[in-house]
Amino acid sequence: MPRYDFRCRSCGATFELRRTMAQANDPAVCPQGHEDTVKLLSAVAVTGAGSSGGAPQQASGGGGCCGGGCCS
């Protein structure tokens, strides 16, 4: 289940809630009981299982007129 970050406008507390995507924009009450909250934008980094975290790999020449060595 996704986690969403919220900030209370009344007391300034930042808190996290786990809820379904369908409930993502529903109002949230802060842990202190205040109802004036705002959902924060979160930065998410997603990497694949084969990702090395380094620079992107360059494709090698595969032939034809664009790198295969047949054109001079």
C-alpha atoms as a PDB file:
ATOM      1  CA  MET A   1       0.000   0.000   0.000  1.00  0.00           C
ATOM      2  CA  PRO A   2       1.442   3.439  -0.901  1.00  0.00           C
ATOM      3  CA  ARG A   3       2.594   5.887   1.763  1.00  0.00           C
ATOM      4  CA  TYR A   4       1.699   9.568   1.582  1.00  0.00           C
ATOM      5  CA  ASP A   5       3.322  12.455   3.456  1.00  0.00           C
ATOM      6  CA  PHE A   6       1.230  15.226   4.977  1.00  0.00           C
ATOM      7  CA  ARG A   7       1.958  18.446   6.852  1.00  0.00           C
ATOM      8  CA  CYS A   8      -0.339  20.052   9.398  1.00  0.00           C
ATOM      9  CA  ARG A   9      -0.932  23.749   8.770  1.00  0.00           C
ATOM     10  CA  SER A  10      -1.940  24.297  12.390  1.00  0.00           C
ATOM     11  CA  CYS A  11       1.033  22.828  14.270  1.00  0.00           C
ATOM     12  CA  GLY A  12       3.572  22.206  11.476  1.00  0.00           C
ATOM     13  CA  ALA A  13       3.860  18.459  12.167  1.00  0.00           C
ATOM     14  CA  THR A  14       4.841  16.241   9.233  1.00  0.00           C
ATOM     15  CA  PHE A  15       3.398  12.732   9.215  1.00  0.00           C
ATOM     16  CA  GLU A  16       2.968   9.736   6.954  1.00  0.00           C
ATOM     17  CA  LEU A  17      -0.137   7.686   6.200  1.00  0.00           C
ATOM     18  CA  ARG A  18      -0.515   4.372   4.393  1.00  0.00           C
ATOM     19  CA  ARG A  19      -3.641   4.326   2.280  1.00  0.00           C
ATOM     20  CA  THR A  20      -4.910   3.028  -1.011  1.00  0.00           C
ATOM     21  CA  MET A  21      -4.404   5.076  -4.173  1.00  0.00           C
ATOM     22  CA  ALA A  22      -8.155   5.647  -4.280  1.00  0.00           C
ATOM     23  CA  GLN A  23      -7.871   7.373  -0.875  1.00  0.00           C
ATOM     24  CA  ALA A  24      -4.763   9.418  -1.792  1.00  0.00           C
ATOM     25  CA  ASN A  25      -6.595  12.755  -1.904  1.00  0.00           C
ATOM     26  CA  ASP A  26      -8.914  12.142   1.039  1.00  0.00           C
ATOM     27  CA  PRO A  27      -8.559  14.586   3.965  1.00  0.00           C
ATOM     28  CA  ALA A  28      -6.078  13.574   6.674  1.00  0.00           C
ATOM     29  CA  VAL A  29      -6.061  14.450  10.371  1.00  0.00           C
ATOM     30  CA  CYS A  30      -2.665  15.095  11.988  1.00  0.00           C
ATOM     31  CA  PRO A  31      -1.552  13.079  15.055  1.00  0.00           C
ATOM     32  CA  GLN A  32      -2.434  16.113  17.240  1.00  0.00           C
ATOM     33  CA  GLY A  33      -6.037  16.048  15.936  1.00  0.00           C
ATOM     34  CA  HIS A  34      -5.882  19.066  13.607  1.00  0.00           C
ATOM     35  CA  GLU A  35      -7.824  18.766  10.358  1.00  0.00           C
ATOM     36  CA  ASP A  36      -6.074  21.522   8.354  1.00  0.00           C
ATOM     37  CA  THR A  37      -3.468  19.401   6.548  1.00  0.00           C
ATOM     38  CA  VAL A  38      -1.894  19.349   3.112  1.00  0.00           C
ATOM     39  CA  LYS A  39      -0.505  16.399   1.148  1.00  0.00           C
ATOM     40  CA  LEU A  40       3.190  16.813   0.302  1.00  0.00           C
ATOM     41  CA  LEU A  41       4.866  15.862  -2.940  1.00  0.00           C
ATOM     42  CA  SER A  42       7.407  13.090  -2.506  1.00  0.00           C
ATOM     43  CA  ALA A  43      10.461  12.441  -4.621  1.00  0.00           C
ATOM     44  CA  VAL A  44      10.652   8.767  -5.529  1.00  0.00           C
ATOM     45  CA  ALA A  45      13.618   7.006  -7.090  1.00  0.00           C
ATOM     46  CA  VAL A  46      12.871   3.779  -8.918  1.00  0.00           C
ATOM     47  CA  THR A  47      15.638   1.600 -10.300  1.00  0.00           C
ATOM     48  CA  GLY A  48      15.555  -1.723 -12.059  1.00  0.00           C
ATOM     49  CA  ALA A  49      17.161  -4.881 -10.746  1.00  0.00           C
ATOM     50  CA  GLY A  50      19.970  -4.640 -13.298  1.00  0.00           C
ATOM     51  CA  SER A  51      20.732  -0.983 -12.657  1.00  0.00           C
ATOM     52  CA  SER A  52      24.321  -0.251 -11.699  1.00  0.00           C
ATOM     53  CA  GLY A  53      23.599   3.306 -10.644  1.00  0.00           C
ATOM     54  CA  GLY A  54      26.372   4.597 -12.932  1.00  0.00           C
ATOM     55  CA  ALA A  55      26.281   6.404 -16.235  1.00  0.00           C
ATOM     56  CA  PRO A  56      23.995   5.080 -18.949  1.00  0.00           C
ATOM     57  CA  GLN A  57      25.617   2.516 -21.194  1.00  0.00           C
ATOM     58  CA  GLN A  58      26.174   3.394 -24.821  1.00  0.00           C
ATOM     59  CA  ALA A  59      25.018   1.157 -27.626  1.00  0.00           C
ATOM     60  CA  SER A  60      27.754  -0.375 -29.746  1.00  0.00           C
ATOM     61  CA  GLY A  61      27.811  -0.166 -33.536  1.00  0.00           C
ATOM     62  CA  GLY A  62      25.592  -2.721 -35.160  1.00  0.00           C
ATOM     63  CA  GLY A  63      26.391  -2.444 -38.865  1.00  0.00           C
ATOM     64  CA  GLY A  64      24.931  -0.565 -41.762  1.00  0.00           C
ATOM     65  CA  CYS A  65      25.900   3.027 -42.511  1.00  0.00           C
ATOM     66  CA  CYS A  66      25.716   4.162 -38.937  1.00  0.00           C
ATOM     67  CA  GLY A  67      28.772   2.668 -37.305  1.00  0.00           C
ATOM     68  CA  GLY A  68      29.384  -0.654 -38.962  1.00  0.00           C
ATOM     69  CA  GLY A  69      32.552   0.447 -40.775  1.00  0.00           C
ATOM     70  CA  CYS A  70      31.186  -0.191 -44.284  1.00  0.00           C
ATOM     71  CA  CYS A  71      31.050   3.484 -45.315  1.00  0.00           C
ATOM     72  CA  SER A  72      34.175   5.548 -45.849  1.00  0.00           C
END
